[in-house]
Amino acid sequence: MESIDLTVVWALIIGFAVFAYVVMDGFDLGIGILFPTLKVGEERDQAMNSIAPVWDGNETWLVLGGGGLMAAFPLAYAIILPATYPLMIAMLLGLIFRGVAFEFRWRDPRHRAFWDLAFTAGSVAAALSQGIALGAILQGIRVREGAYAGGWLDWLSPFSLLTGVALLTGYAALGAAWLNWKTEGGAQNHARRMVHLLVPAMIAMLIAVSAATPFLNYDYWRRWFDFPGVLLTAQVPLLVAICAFVLLRSLAAGAERLPFLMLLVLFLLCFVGLGISIFPYAVPRSVTIWAAAAPPRSQSFMLAGAMFIIPIILAYTGWAYWVFRGKVGTHGYH
């Protein structure tokens, strides 16, 4: 029983870390995606200064989620990573490029156009890779005798491409909403126009992915539509509809903070829906979290460290966002 409890605890910890990464790094990836649409000069400088104090700290959650998966669920890690090697390589290269470009666009102004392009390319590559990887995991990974049994390109399918574009659109919407909240003048006006375009697009992509997922496998369909479970699962799309309505009304009212917060709630509801679809599998339809889990003593040892470090990360993250609250200008972090 102790082993089962620890396994569930670690599944929740990793799920929280992944969600924290998606929403925190999502909006600054979104700014990178939208970067070419911003005017060179003040608009781009404001956009960069809005994320400069926090962007690198946001990626802490990616390290926690990936490292936690390897340590707490080594079998799942050993299956998922080979199944998505090209995507993981593309994501990491994208994150490296955007990190280097972020610093060098200030340090090397003579080549700023190149670094701006690298910032955008890295952001798009990372976002697409993450979304396609999600689709690849949802559609199923071929497993034989506890090991990945598929090919180099098994991750590539119409569904995985759909989830890739959907996450790219969601990140762009988050980025535009963040800029609408944190910037002013021309940058804010542009961000407001982009939010009005991207939010309906994100909602449309969310509907498309949600409609396609139950047809991937009967188990997904059963989880969402079998009675009486449907009485509970139906609350998720209902809450999504309510949040989407509030989000669209807040945009029409010219709100600054509420659209971003409602987008975070929408991402949370998507994450809840993902949990409904796959729990208790670490590798959908192949390996459960209990089958993939590390020994109980290893989980206990790691949990002691996690209980110490996670509150510190949360405290530091909250403090950083509090210190750098409010609008930004063109002369900030750098």
C-alpha atoms as a PDB file:
ATOM      1  CA  MET A   1       0.000   0.000   0.000  1.00  0.00           C
ATOM      2  CA  GLU A   2       2.867   2.343   0.821  1.00  0.00           C
ATOM      3  CA  SER A   3       4.341   1.710  -2.615  1.00  0.00           C
ATOM      4  CA  ILE A   4       1.059   2.525  -4.330  1.00  0.00           C
ATOM      5  CA  ASP A   5       0.639   5.722  -2.324  1.00  0.00           C
ATOM      6  CA  LEU A   6       4.167   6.892  -3.103  1.00  0.00           C
ATOM      7  CA  THR A   7       3.681   6.114  -6.779  1.00  0.00           C
ATOM      8  CA  VAL A   8       0.559   8.245  -6.938  1.00  0.00           C
ATOM      9  CA  VAL A   9       2.292  11.028  -5.023  1.00  0.00           C
ATOM     10  CA  TRP A  10       5.154  11.027  -7.515  1.00  0.00           C
ATOM     11  CA  ALA A  11       2.721  10.978 -10.440  1.00  0.00           C
ATOM     12  CA  LEU A  12       1.088  14.099  -8.982  1.00  0.00           C
ATOM     13  CA  ILE A  13       4.452  15.793  -8.396  1.00  0.00           C
ATOM     14  CA  ILE A  14       5.581  15.195 -11.969  1.00  0.00           C
ATOM     15  CA  GLY A  15       2.178  16.237 -13.300  1.00  0.00           C
ATOM     16  CA  PHE A  16       2.398  19.468 -11.316  1.00  0.00           C
ATOM     17  CA  ALA A  17       5.933  20.141 -12.573  1.00  0.00           C
ATOM     18  CA  VAL A  18       4.908  19.603 -16.197  1.00  0.00           C
ATOM     19  CA  PHE A  19       1.859  21.845 -15.805  1.00  0.00           C
ATOM     20  CA  ALA A  20       3.947  24.553 -14.111  1.00  0.00           C
ATOM     21  CA  TYR A  21       6.424  24.407 -16.981  1.00  0.00           C
ATOM     22  CA  VAL A  22       3.713  24.570 -19.641  1.00  0.00           C
ATOM     23  CA  VAL A  23       2.042  27.680 -18.247  1.00  0.00           C
ATOM     24  CA  MET A  24       5.190  29.483 -17.078  1.00  0.00           C
ATOM     25  CA  ASP A  25       7.479  28.785 -20.005  1.00  0.00           C
ATOM     26  CA  GLY A  26       4.484  28.754 -22.336  1.00  0.00           C
ATOM     27  CA  PHE A  27       3.931  32.491 -22.331  1.00  0.00           C
ATOM     28  CA  ASP A  28       7.573  33.360 -22.979  1.00  0.00           C
ATOM     29  CA  LEU A  29       7.723  30.756 -25.760  1.00  0.00           C
ATOM     30  CA  GLY A  30       4.585  32.471 -27.040  1.00  0.00           C
ATOM     31  CA  ILE A  31       6.370  35.822 -27.067  1.00  0.00           C
ATOM     32  CA  GLY A  32       9.127  34.237 -29.155  1.00  0.00           C
ATOM     33  CA  ILE A  33       6.520  32.870 -31.571  1.00  0.00           C
ATOM     34  CA  LEU A  34       4.952  36.327 -31.930  1.00  0.00           C
ATOM     35  CA  PHE A  35       8.271  38.167 -32.029  1.00  0.00           C
ATOM     36  CA  PRO A  36       8.371  38.729 -35.832  1.00  0.00           C
ATOM     37  CA  THR A  37       5.010  40.517 -35.637  1.00  0.00           C
ATOM     38  CA  LEU A  38       6.388  43.104 -33.191  1.00  0.00           C
ATOM     39  CA  LYS A  39       8.050  46.249 -34.500  1.00  0.00           C
ATOM     40  CA  VAL A  40      11.819  46.439 -34.237  1.00  0.00           C
ATOM     41  CA  GLY A  41      12.800  48.721 -31.389  1.00  0.00           C
ATOM     42  CA  GLU A  42      10.488  49.662 -28.558  1.00  0.00           C
ATOM     43  CA  GLU A  43       7.873  46.913 -29.039  1.00  0.00           C
ATOM     44  CA  ARG A  44      10.441  44.114 -29.133  1.00  0.00           C
ATOM     45  CA  ASP A  45      12.436  45.591 -26.256  1.00  0.00           C
ATOM     46  CA  GLN A  46       9.329  45.808 -24.075  1.00  0.00           C
ATOM     47  CA  ALA A  47       8.436  42.223 -24.917  1.00  0.00           C
ATOM     48  CA  MET A  48      11.900  40.986 -23.958  1.00  0.00           C
ATOM     49  CA  ASN A  49      12.004  43.021 -20.753  1.00  0.00           C
ATOM     50  CA  SER A  50       8.627  41.602 -19.686  1.00  0.00           C
ATOM     51  CA  ILE A  51      10.106  38.092 -19.430  1.00  0.00           C
ATOM     52  CA  ALA A  52      13.807  38.815 -18.823  1.00  0.00           C
ATOM     53  CA  PRO A  53      13.707  38.415 -15.005  1.00  0.00           C
ATOM     54  CA  VAL A  54      11.766  35.120 -15.065  1.00  0.00           C
ATOM     55  CA  TRP A  55      12.256  33.204 -18.317  1.00  0.00           C
ATOM     56  CA  ASP A  56      15.211  31.070 -17.190  1.00  0.00           C
ATOM     57  CA  GLY A  57      13.635  30.292 -13.816  1.00  0.00           C
ATOM     58  CA  ASN A  58      10.489  29.118 -15.587  1.00  0.00           C
ATOM     59  CA  GLU A  59      12.471  26.286 -17.166  1.00  0.00           C
ATOM     60  CA  THR A  60      13.340  24.902 -13.734  1.00  0.00           C
ATOM     61  CA  TRP A  61      10.057  23.017 -13.896  1.00  0.00           C
ATOM     62  CA  LEU A  62      11.118  21.252 -17.097  1.00  0.00           C
ATOM     63  CA  VAL A  63      14.202  19.953 -15.303  1.00  0.00           C
ATOM     64  CA  LEU A  64      12.091  18.808 -12.350  1.00  0.00           C
ATOM     65  CA  GLY A  65       9.520  17.112 -14.582  1.00  0.00           C
ATOM     66  CA  GLY A  66      12.053  15.368 -16.828  1.00  0.00           C
ATOM     67  CA  GLY A  67      14.431  14.440 -14.033  1.00  0.00           C
ATOM     68  CA  GLY A  68      11.555  13.305 -11.833  1.00  0.00           C
ATOM     69  CA  LEU A  69      10.209  11.071 -14.597  1.00  0.00           C
ATOM     70  CA  MET A  70      13.613   9.427 -15.028  1.00  0.00           C
ATOM     71  CA  ALA A  71      14.065   8.885 -11.288  1.00  0.00           C
ATOM     72  CA  ALA A  72      10.530   7.983 -10.194  1.00  0.00           C
ATOM     73  CA  PHE A  73       9.309   6.163 -13.317  1.00  0.00           C
ATOM     74  CA  PRO A  74      12.448   4.866 -15.050  1.00  0.00           C
ATOM     75  CA  LEU A  75      10.595   2.363 -17.237  1.00  0.00           C
ATOM     76  CA  ALA A  76       8.295   5.075 -18.624  1.00  0.00           C
ATOM     77  CA  TYR A  77      11.305   7.306 -19.248  1.00  0.00           C
ATOM     78  CA  ALA A  78      13.121   4.464 -21.041  1.00  0.00           C
ATOM     79  CA  ILE A  79      10.119   3.952 -23.352  1.00  0.00           C
ATOM     80  CA  ILE A  80       8.976   7.527 -23.999  1.00  0.00           C
ATOM     81  CA  LEU A  81      12.408   8.990 -24.698  1.00  0.00           C
ATOM     82  CA  PRO A  82      13.385   6.598 -27.548  1.00  0.00           C
ATOM     83  CA  ALA A  83       9.886   7.004 -29.012  1.00  0.00           C
ATOM     84  CA  THR A  84      10.333  10.777 -29.197  1.00  0.00           C
ATOM     85  CA  TYR A  85      14.096  11.189 -29.689  1.00  0.00           C
ATOM     86  CA  PRO A  86      13.834  13.531 -32.725  1.00  0.00           C
ATOM     87  CA  LEU A  87      11.302  15.687 -30.903  1.00  0.00           C
ATOM     88  CA  MET A  88      13.320  15.868 -27.692  1.00  0.00           C
ATOM     89  CA  ILE A  89      16.455  16.778 -29.650  1.00  0.00           C
ATOM     90  CA  ALA A  90      14.573  19.491 -31.561  1.00  0.00           C
ATOM     91  CA  MET A  91      13.066  20.840 -28.334  1.00  0.00           C
ATOM     92  CA  LEU A  92      16.389  21.028 -26.522  1.00  0.00           C
ATOM     93  CA  LEU A  93      18.135  22.636 -29.487  1.00  0.00           C
ATOM     94  CA  GLY A  94      15.289  25.151 -29.714  1.00  0.00           C
ATOM     95  CA  LEU A  95      15.553  26.007 -26.029  1.00  0.00           C
ATOM     96  CA  ILE A  96      19.334  26.384 -26.333  1.00  0.00           C
ATOM     97  CA  PHE A  97      19.044  28.647 -29.371  1.00  0.00           C
ATOM     98  CA  ARG A  98      16.437  30.885 -27.775  1.00  0.00           C
ATOM     99  CA  GLY A  99      18.426  31.115 -24.536  1.00  0.00           C
ATOM    100  CA  VAL A 100      21.592  32.162 -26.368  1.00  0.00           C
ATOM    101  CA  ALA A 101      19.651  34.526 -28.617  1.00  0.00           C
ATOM    102  CA  PHE A 102      17.952  36.106 -25.607  1.00  0.00           C
ATOM    103  CA  GLU A 103      21.262  37.241 -24.161  1.00  0.00           C
ATOM    104  CA  PHE A 104      23.164  37.957 -27.362  1.00  0.00           C
ATOM    105  CA  ARG A 105      20.521  40.236 -28.885  1.00  0.00           C
ATOM    106  CA  TRP A 106      21.510  42.691 -26.130  1.00  0.00           C
ATOM    107  CA  ARG A 107      25.247  41.989 -26.088  1.00  0.00           C
ATOM    108  CA  ASP A 108      25.702  41.930 -29.857  1.00  0.00           C
ATOM    109  CA  PRO A 109      23.455  44.706 -31.279  1.00  0.00           C
ATOM    110  CA  ARG A 110      25.192  44.620 -34.678  1.00  0.00           C
ATOM    111  CA  HIS A 111      23.675  41.191 -35.335  1.00  0.00           C
ATOM    112  CA  ARG A 112      20.417  41.722 -33.467  1.00  0.00           C
ATOM    113  CA  ALA A 113      18.309  40.769 -36.505  1.00  0.00           C
ATOM    114  CA  PHE A 114      19.977  37.347 -36.557  1.00  0.00           C
ATOM    115  CA  TRP A 115      19.498  36.810 -32.831  1.00  0.00           C
ATOM    116  CA  ASP A 116      15.842  37.862 -33.104  1.00  0.00           C
ATOM    117  CA  LEU A 117      15.378  35.243 -35.821  1.00  0.00           C
ATOM    118  CA  ALA A 118      17.111  32.629 -33.665  1.00  0.00           C
ATOM    119  CA  PHE A 119      14.864  33.561 -30.722  1.00  0.00           C
ATOM    120  CA  THR A 120      11.767  33.010 -32.840  1.00  0.00           C
ATOM    121  CA  ALA A 121      13.042  29.813 -34.488  1.00  0.00           C
ATOM    122  CA  GLY A 122      13.988  28.317 -31.128  1.00  0.00           C
ATOM    123  CA  SER A 123      10.611  29.193 -29.623  1.00  0.00           C
ATOM    124  CA  VAL A 124       8.665  27.707 -32.546  1.00  0.00           C
ATOM    125  CA  ALA A 125      10.800  24.543 -32.570  1.00  0.00           C
ATOM    126  CA  ALA A 126      10.383  24.000 -28.815  1.00  0.00           C
ATOM    127  CA  ALA A 127       6.623  24.614 -28.853  1.00  0.00           C
ATOM    128  CA  LEU A 128       5.963  22.405 -31.884  1.00  0.00           C
ATOM    129  CA  SER A 129       8.146  19.612 -30.514  1.00  0.00           C
ATOM    130  CA  GLN A 130       6.329  19.611 -27.175  1.00  0.00           C
ATOM    131  CA  GLY A 131       2.910  19.551 -28.815  1.00  0.00           C
ATOM    132  CA  ILE A 132       3.804  16.806 -31.286  1.00  0.00           C
ATOM    133  CA  ALA A 133       5.338  14.744 -28.458  1.00  0.00           C
ATOM    134  CA  LEU A 134       2.072  15.045 -26.530  1.00  0.00           C
ATOM    135  CA  GLY A 135       0.140  13.786 -29.539  1.00  0.00           C
ATOM    136  CA  ALA A 136       2.606  10.937 -30.051  1.00  0.00           C
ATOM    137  CA  ILE A 137       2.166   9.783 -26.455  1.00  0.00           C
ATOM    138  CA  LEU A 138      -1.620  10.042 -26.620  1.00  0.00           C
ATOM    139  CA  GLN A 139      -1.924   8.098 -29.859  1.00  0.00           C
ATOM    140  CA  GLY A 140       0.048   5.242 -28.317  1.00  0.00           C
ATOM    141  CA  ILE A 141       3.613   3.958 -28.221  1.00  0.00           C
ATOM    142  CA  ARG A 142       4.468   0.446 -29.350  1.00  0.00           C
ATOM    143  CA  VAL A 143       5.926  -1.495 -26.424  1.00  0.00           C
ATOM    144  CA  ARG A 144       7.256  -5.046 -26.427  1.00  0.00           C
ATOM    145  CA  GLU A 145       8.704  -6.749 -23.349  1.00  0.00           C
ATOM    146  CA  GLY A 146       9.083  -3.480 -21.497  1.00  0.00           C
ATOM    147  CA  ALA A 147      10.946  -1.649 -24.264  1.00  0.00           C
ATOM    148  CA  TYR A 148      10.101   0.666 -27.135  1.00  0.00           C
ATOM    149  CA  ALA A 149       9.346  -1.431 -30.222  1.00  0.00           C
ATOM    150  CA  GLY A 150       8.532   1.254 -32.769  1.00  0.00           C
ATOM    151  CA  GLY A 151      10.453   3.083 -35.456  1.00  0.00           C
ATOM    152  CA  TRP A 152      12.234   6.419 -35.743  1.00  0.00           C
ATOM    153  CA  LEU A 153       9.170   8.250 -37.125  1.00  0.00           C
ATOM    154  CA  ASP A 154       6.294   6.533 -35.319  1.00  0.00           C
ATOM    155  CA  TRP A 155       5.555   9.832 -33.578  1.00  0.00           C
ATOM    156  CA  LEU A 156       4.599  11.472 -36.881  1.00  0.00           C
ATOM    157  CA  SER A 157       0.866  11.381 -37.640  1.00  0.00           C
ATOM    158  CA  PRO A 158      -1.966  13.796 -38.489  1.00  0.00           C
ATOM    159  CA  PHE A 159      -3.064  13.744 -34.845  1.00  0.00           C
ATOM    160  CA  SER A 160       0.392  14.547 -33.470  1.00  0.00           C
ATOM    161  CA  LEU A 161       0.736  17.393 -35.972  1.00  0.00           C
ATOM    162  CA  LEU A 162      -2.669  18.665 -34.849  1.00  0.00           C
ATOM    163  CA  THR A 163      -1.601  18.689 -31.203  1.00  0.00           C
ATOM    164  CA  GLY A 164       1.652  20.393 -32.209  1.00  0.00           C
ATOM    165  CA  VAL A 165      -0.158  23.244 -33.952  1.00  0.00           C
ATOM    166  CA  ALA A 166      -2.677  23.421 -31.100  1.00  0.00           C
ATOM    167  CA  LEU A 167       0.019  23.883 -28.456  1.00  0.00           C
ATOM    168  CA  LEU A 168       1.831  26.388 -30.659  1.00  0.00           C
ATOM    169  CA  THR A 169      -1.409  28.389 -30.931  1.00  0.00           C
ATOM    170  CA  GLY A 170      -2.033  28.129 -27.188  1.00  0.00           C
ATOM    171  CA  TYR A 171       1.463  29.348 -26.338  1.00  0.00           C
ATOM    172  CA  ALA A 172       1.088  32.251 -28.778  1.00  0.00           C
ATOM    173  CA  ALA A 173      -2.220  33.209 -27.142  1.00  0.00           C
ATOM    174  CA  LEU A 174      -0.587  33.067 -23.692  1.00  0.00           C
ATOM    175  CA  GLY A 175       2.275  35.244 -24.917  1.00  0.00           C
ATOM    176  CA  ALA A 176      -0.069  37.830 -26.419  1.00  0.00           C
ATOM    177  CA  ALA A 177      -2.164  37.938 -23.232  1.00  0.00           C
ATOM    178  CA  TRP A 178       0.994  38.370 -21.130  1.00  0.00           C
ATOM    179  CA  LEU A 179       2.130  41.292 -23.300  1.00  0.00           C
ATOM    180  CA  ASN A 180      -1.354  42.819 -23.105  1.00  0.00           C
ATOM    181  CA  TRP A 181      -0.971  42.771 -19.327  1.00  0.00           C
ATOM    182  CA  LYS A 182       2.669  43.788 -18.957  1.00  0.00           C
ATOM    183  CA  THR A 183       3.359  46.292 -21.739  1.00  0.00           C
ATOM    184  CA  GLU A 184       1.983  49.666 -22.741  1.00  0.00           C
ATOM    185  CA  GLY A 185       1.737  51.920 -25.774  1.00  0.00           C
ATOM    186  CA  GLY A 186       2.245  50.394 -29.194  1.00  0.00           C
ATOM    187  CA  ALA A 187       3.341  47.031 -27.820  1.00  0.00           C
ATOM    188  CA  GLN A 188       0.168  46.681 -25.781  1.00  0.00           C
ATOM    189  CA  ASN A 189      -2.050  47.761 -28.676  1.00  0.00           C
ATOM    190  CA  HIS A 190      -0.428  45.157 -30.915  1.00  0.00           C
ATOM    191  CA  ALA A 191      -0.699  42.480 -28.221  1.00  0.00           C
ATOM    192  CA  ARG A 192      -4.383  43.262 -27.760  1.00  0.00           C
ATOM    193  CA  ARG A 193      -5.018  42.776 -31.472  1.00  0.00           C
ATOM    194  CA  MET A 194      -3.123  39.477 -31.414  1.00  0.00           C
ATOM    195  CA  VAL A 195      -5.066  38.214 -28.401  1.00  0.00           C
ATOM    196  CA  HIS A 196      -8.341  38.866 -30.222  1.00  0.00           C
ATOM    197  CA  LEU A 197      -7.084  36.773 -33.138  1.00  0.00           C
ATOM    198  CA  LEU A 198      -5.377  33.987 -31.228  1.00  0.00           C
ATOM    199  CA  VAL A 199      -7.919  33.214 -28.509  1.00  0.00           C
ATOM    200  CA  PRO A 200     -10.651  32.087 -30.965  1.00  0.00           C
ATOM    201  CA  ALA A 201      -7.997  30.122 -32.870  1.00  0.00           C
ATOM    202  CA  MET A 202      -6.873  28.426 -29.653  1.00  0.00           C
ATOM    203  CA  ILE A 203     -10.445  27.542 -28.708  1.00  0.00           C
ATOM    204  CA  ALA A 204     -11.014  26.079 -32.187  1.00  0.00           C
ATOM    205  CA  MET A 205      -7.841  23.986 -31.898  1.00  0.00           C
ATOM    206  CA  LEU A 206      -8.877  22.832 -28.426  1.00  0.00           C
ATOM    207  CA  ILE A 207     -12.217  21.664 -29.781  1.00  0.00           C
ATOM    208  CA  ALA A 208     -10.505  19.845 -32.661  1.00  0.00           C
ATOM    209  CA  VAL A 209      -8.059  17.978 -30.399  1.00  0.00           C
ATOM    210  CA  SER A 210     -10.787  17.160 -27.869  1.00  0.00           C
ATOM    211  CA  ALA A 211     -13.049  15.814 -30.620  1.00  0.00           C
ATOM    212  CA  ALA A 212     -10.284  13.675 -32.145  1.00  0.00           C
ATOM    213  CA  THR A 213      -8.868  12.164 -28.944  1.00  0.00           C
ATOM    214  CA  PRO A 214     -11.757   9.765 -28.078  1.00  0.00           C
ATOM    215  CA  PHE A 215     -11.447   8.210 -31.542  1.00  0.00           C
ATOM    216  CA  LEU A 216      -7.796   7.249 -30.993  1.00  0.00           C
ATOM    217  CA  ASN A 217      -8.763   4.334 -28.790  1.00  0.00           C
ATOM    218  CA  TYR A 218     -11.929   2.885 -27.306  1.00  0.00           C
ATOM    219  CA  ASP A 219     -10.482   3.283 -23.812  1.00  0.00           C
ATOM    220  CA  TYR A 220     -10.462   7.079 -24.281  1.00  0.00           C
ATOM    221  CA  TRP A 221     -14.049   6.982 -25.515  1.00  0.00           C
ATOM    222  CA  ARG A 222     -15.142   4.855 -22.556  1.00  0.00           C
ATOM    223  CA  ARG A 223     -13.485   7.161 -20.032  1.00  0.00           C
ATOM    224  CA  TRP A 224     -15.314  10.193 -21.391  1.00  0.00           C
ATOM    225  CA  PHE A 225     -18.707   8.877 -22.458  1.00  0.00           C
ATOM    226  CA  ASP A 226     -19.598   5.724 -20.498  1.00  0.00           C
ATOM    227  CA  PHE A 227     -22.436   6.171 -18.003  1.00  0.00           C
ATOM    228  CA  PRO A 228     -22.362   7.109 -15.128  1.00  0.00           C
ATOM    229  CA  GLY A 229     -18.808   8.444 -15.502  1.00  0.00           C
ATOM    230  CA  VAL A 230     -19.966  10.897 -18.139  1.00  0.00           C
ATOM    231  CA  LEU A 231     -21.839  12.794 -15.420  1.00  0.00           C
ATOM    232  CA  LEU A 232     -18.454  13.704 -13.943  1.00  0.00           C
ATOM    233  CA  THR A 233     -16.360  14.081 -17.092  1.00  0.00           C
ATOM    234  CA  ALA A 234     -19.002  16.324 -18.694  1.00  0.00           C
ATOM    235  CA  GLN A 235     -18.143  18.976 -16.125  1.00  0.00           C
ATOM    236  CA  VAL A 236     -14.756  19.537 -17.793  1.00  0.00           C
ATOM    237  CA  PRO A 237     -16.100  20.731 -21.191  1.00  0.00           C
ATOM    238  CA  LEU A 238     -18.778  22.680 -19.330  1.00  0.00           C
ATOM    239  CA  LEU A 239     -16.116  24.522 -17.316  1.00  0.00           C
ATOM    240  CA  VAL A 240     -14.094  25.054 -20.503  1.00  0.00           C
ATOM    241  CA  ALA A 241     -17.135  26.668 -22.140  1.00  0.00           C
ATOM    242  CA  ILE A 242     -17.691  28.928 -19.121  1.00  0.00           C
ATOM    243  CA  CYS A 243     -14.012  29.965 -19.041  1.00  0.00           C
ATOM    244  CA  ALA A 244     -14.005  30.613 -22.779  1.00  0.00           C
ATOM    245  CA  PHE A 245     -17.090  32.823 -22.410  1.00  0.00           C
ATOM    246  CA  VAL A 246     -15.532  34.806 -19.548  1.00  0.00           C
ATOM    247  CA  LEU A 247     -12.287  35.083 -21.523  1.00  0.00           C
ATOM    248  CA  LEU A 248     -14.007  36.441 -24.631  1.00  0.00           C
ATOM    249  CA  ARG A 249     -16.090  38.874 -22.549  1.00  0.00           C
ATOM    250  CA  SER A 250     -12.973  40.128 -20.755  1.00  0.00           C
ATOM    251  CA  LEU A 251     -11.308  40.771 -24.111  1.00  0.00           C
ATOM    252  CA  ALA A 252     -14.341  42.674 -25.332  1.00  0.00           C
ATOM    253  CA  ALA A 253     -14.255  44.766 -22.135  1.00  0.00           C
ATOM    254  CA  GLY A 254     -10.589  45.651 -22.677  1.00  0.00           C
ATOM    255  CA  ALA A 255      -9.349  43.913 -19.518  1.00  0.00           C
ATOM    256  CA  GLU A 256      -5.591  43.493 -19.119  1.00  0.00           C
ATOM    257  CA  ARG A 257      -5.010  40.871 -16.426  1.00  0.00           C
ATOM    258  CA  LEU A 258      -8.147  38.713 -16.619  1.00  0.00           C
ATOM    259  CA  PRO A 259      -7.573  37.312 -20.153  1.00  0.00           C
ATOM    260  CA  PHE A 260      -4.182  35.926 -19.107  1.00  0.00           C
ATOM    261  CA  LEU A 261      -5.578  34.413 -15.919  1.00  0.00           C
ATOM    262  CA  MET A 262      -8.478  32.810 -17.789  1.00  0.00           C
ATOM    263  CA  LEU A 263      -6.068  31.317 -20.302  1.00  0.00           C
ATOM    264  CA  LEU A 264      -4.187  29.747 -17.385  1.00  0.00           C
ATOM    265  CA  VAL A 265      -7.465  28.243 -16.173  1.00  0.00           C
ATOM    266  CA  LEU A 266      -8.142  26.875 -19.667  1.00  0.00           C
ATOM    267  CA  PHE A 267      -4.719  25.243 -19.713  1.00  0.00           C
ATOM    268  CA  LEU A 268      -5.450  23.749 -16.279  1.00  0.00           C
ATOM    269  CA  LEU A 269      -8.731  22.297 -17.522  1.00  0.00           C
ATOM    270  CA  CYS A 270      -6.937  20.837 -20.545  1.00  0.00           C
ATOM    271  CA  PHE A 271      -4.484  19.225 -18.157  1.00  0.00           C
ATOM    272  CA  VAL A 272      -7.373  17.778 -16.121  1.00  0.00           C
ATOM    273  CA  GLY A 273      -8.836  16.383 -19.330  1.00  0.00           C
ATOM    274  CA  LEU A 274      -5.493  14.835 -20.197  1.00  0.00           C
ATOM    275  CA  GLY A 275      -5.414  13.181 -16.780  1.00  0.00           C
ATOM    276  CA  ILE A 276      -8.904  11.759 -17.300  1.00  0.00           C
ATOM    277  CA  SER A 277      -7.788  10.271 -20.607  1.00  0.00           C
ATOM    278  CA  ILE A 278      -4.562   8.572 -19.525  1.00  0.00           C
ATOM    279  CA  PHE A 279      -4.536   7.947 -15.743  1.00  0.00           C
ATOM    280  CA  PRO A 280      -3.269   5.568 -14.380  1.00  0.00           C
ATOM    281  CA  TYR A 281      -0.998   4.934 -17.376  1.00  0.00           C
ATOM    282  CA  ALA A 282       2.529   6.331 -17.566  1.00  0.00           C
ATOM    283  CA  VAL A 283       2.671   5.108 -21.177  1.00  0.00           C
ATOM    284  CA  PRO A 284      -0.944   5.155 -22.413  1.00  0.00           C
ATOM    285  CA  ARG A 285      -2.497   1.703 -22.822  1.00  0.00           C
ATOM    286  CA  SER A 286       0.863  -0.024 -22.266  1.00  0.00           C
ATOM    287  CA  VAL A 287       2.493   0.676 -18.886  1.00  0.00           C
ATOM    288  CA  THR A 288       0.775   1.849 -15.696  1.00  0.00           C
ATOM    289  CA  ILE A 289       2.430   4.162 -13.200  1.00  0.00           C
ATOM    290  CA  TRP A 290       2.814   1.237 -10.782  1.00  0.00           C
ATOM    291  CA  ALA A 291       4.511  -0.953 -13.383  1.00  0.00           C
ATOM    292  CA  ALA A 292       6.836   1.919 -14.339  1.00  0.00           C
ATOM    293  CA  ALA A 293       7.649   3.038 -10.796  1.00  0.00           C
ATOM    294  CA  ALA A 294      11.036   2.922  -9.074  1.00  0.00           C
ATOM    295  CA  PRO A 295      11.369   0.850  -5.874  1.00  0.00           C
ATOM    296  CA  PRO A 296       9.534   2.270  -2.832  1.00  0.00           C
ATOM    297  CA  ARG A 297      12.783   3.072  -0.994  1.00  0.00           C
ATOM    298  CA  SER A 298      14.004   5.124  -3.945  1.00  0.00           C
ATOM    299  CA  GLN A 299      10.702   6.979  -4.066  1.00  0.00           C
ATOM    300  CA  SER A 300      10.846   7.693  -0.341  1.00  0.00           C
ATOM    301  CA  PHE A 301      14.414   8.995  -0.556  1.00  0.00           C
ATOM    302  CA  MET A 302      13.571  11.292  -3.493  1.00  0.00           C
ATOM    303  CA  LEU A 303      10.366  12.482  -1.860  1.00  0.00           C
ATOM    304  CA  ALA A 304      12.334  13.798   1.117  1.00  0.00           C
ATOM    305  CA  GLY A 305      14.398  15.922  -1.267  1.00  0.00           C
ATOM    306  CA  ALA A 306      11.371  17.024  -3.274  1.00  0.00           C
ATOM    307  CA  MET A 307       9.541  18.184  -0.131  1.00  0.00           C
ATOM    308  CA  PHE A 308      12.521  20.414   0.603  1.00  0.00           C
ATOM    309  CA  ILE A 309      13.287  21.798  -2.860  1.00  0.00           C
ATOM    310  CA  ILE A 310       9.804  22.334  -4.341  1.00  0.00           C
ATOM    311  CA  PRO A 311       8.700  24.875  -1.683  1.00  0.00           C
ATOM    312  CA  ILE A 312      11.971  26.755  -2.257  1.00  0.00           C
ATOM    313  CA  ILE A 313      11.340  26.870  -6.019  1.00  0.00           C
ATOM    314  CA  LEU A 314       7.759  28.029  -5.446  1.00  0.00           C
ATOM    315  CA  ALA A 315       8.859  30.709  -2.988  1.00  0.00           C
ATOM    316  CA  TYR A 316      11.591  32.015  -5.274  1.00  0.00           C
ATOM    317  CA  THR A 317       9.289  31.991  -8.316  1.00  0.00           C
ATOM    318  CA  GLY A 318       6.547  33.837  -6.456  1.00  0.00           C
ATOM    319  CA  TRP A 319       9.040  36.377  -5.117  1.00  0.00           C
ATOM    320  CA  ALA A 320      10.485  37.005  -8.593  1.00  0.00           C
ATOM    321  CA  TYR A 321       7.066  37.622 -10.117  1.00  0.00           C
ATOM    322  CA  TRP A 322       6.141  39.892  -7.205  1.00  0.00           C
ATOM    323  CA  VAL A 323       9.311  41.984  -7.443  1.00  0.00           C
ATOM    324  CA  PHE A 324       8.926  42.469 -11.192  1.00  0.00           C
ATOM    325  CA  ARG A 325       5.173  43.058 -11.152  1.00  0.00           C
ATOM    326  CA  GLY A 326       3.656  45.942 -13.050  1.00  0.00           C
ATOM    327  CA  LYS A 327       4.325  47.378 -16.488  1.00  0.00           C
ATOM    328  CA  VAL A 328       7.732  47.230 -18.142  1.00  0.00           C
ATOM    329  CA  GLY A 329       9.590  49.764 -20.230  1.00  0.00           C
ATOM    330  CA  THR A 330      12.259  49.585 -22.912  1.00  0.00           C
ATOM    331  CA  HIS A 331      15.061  49.937 -20.371  1.00  0.00           C
ATOM    332  CA  GLY A 332      14.774  47.152 -17.833  1.00  0.00           C
ATOM    333  CA  TYR A 333      16.574  43.975 -16.904  1.00  0.00           C
ATOM    334  CA  HIS A 334      19.509  44.506 -19.259  1.00  0.00           C
END
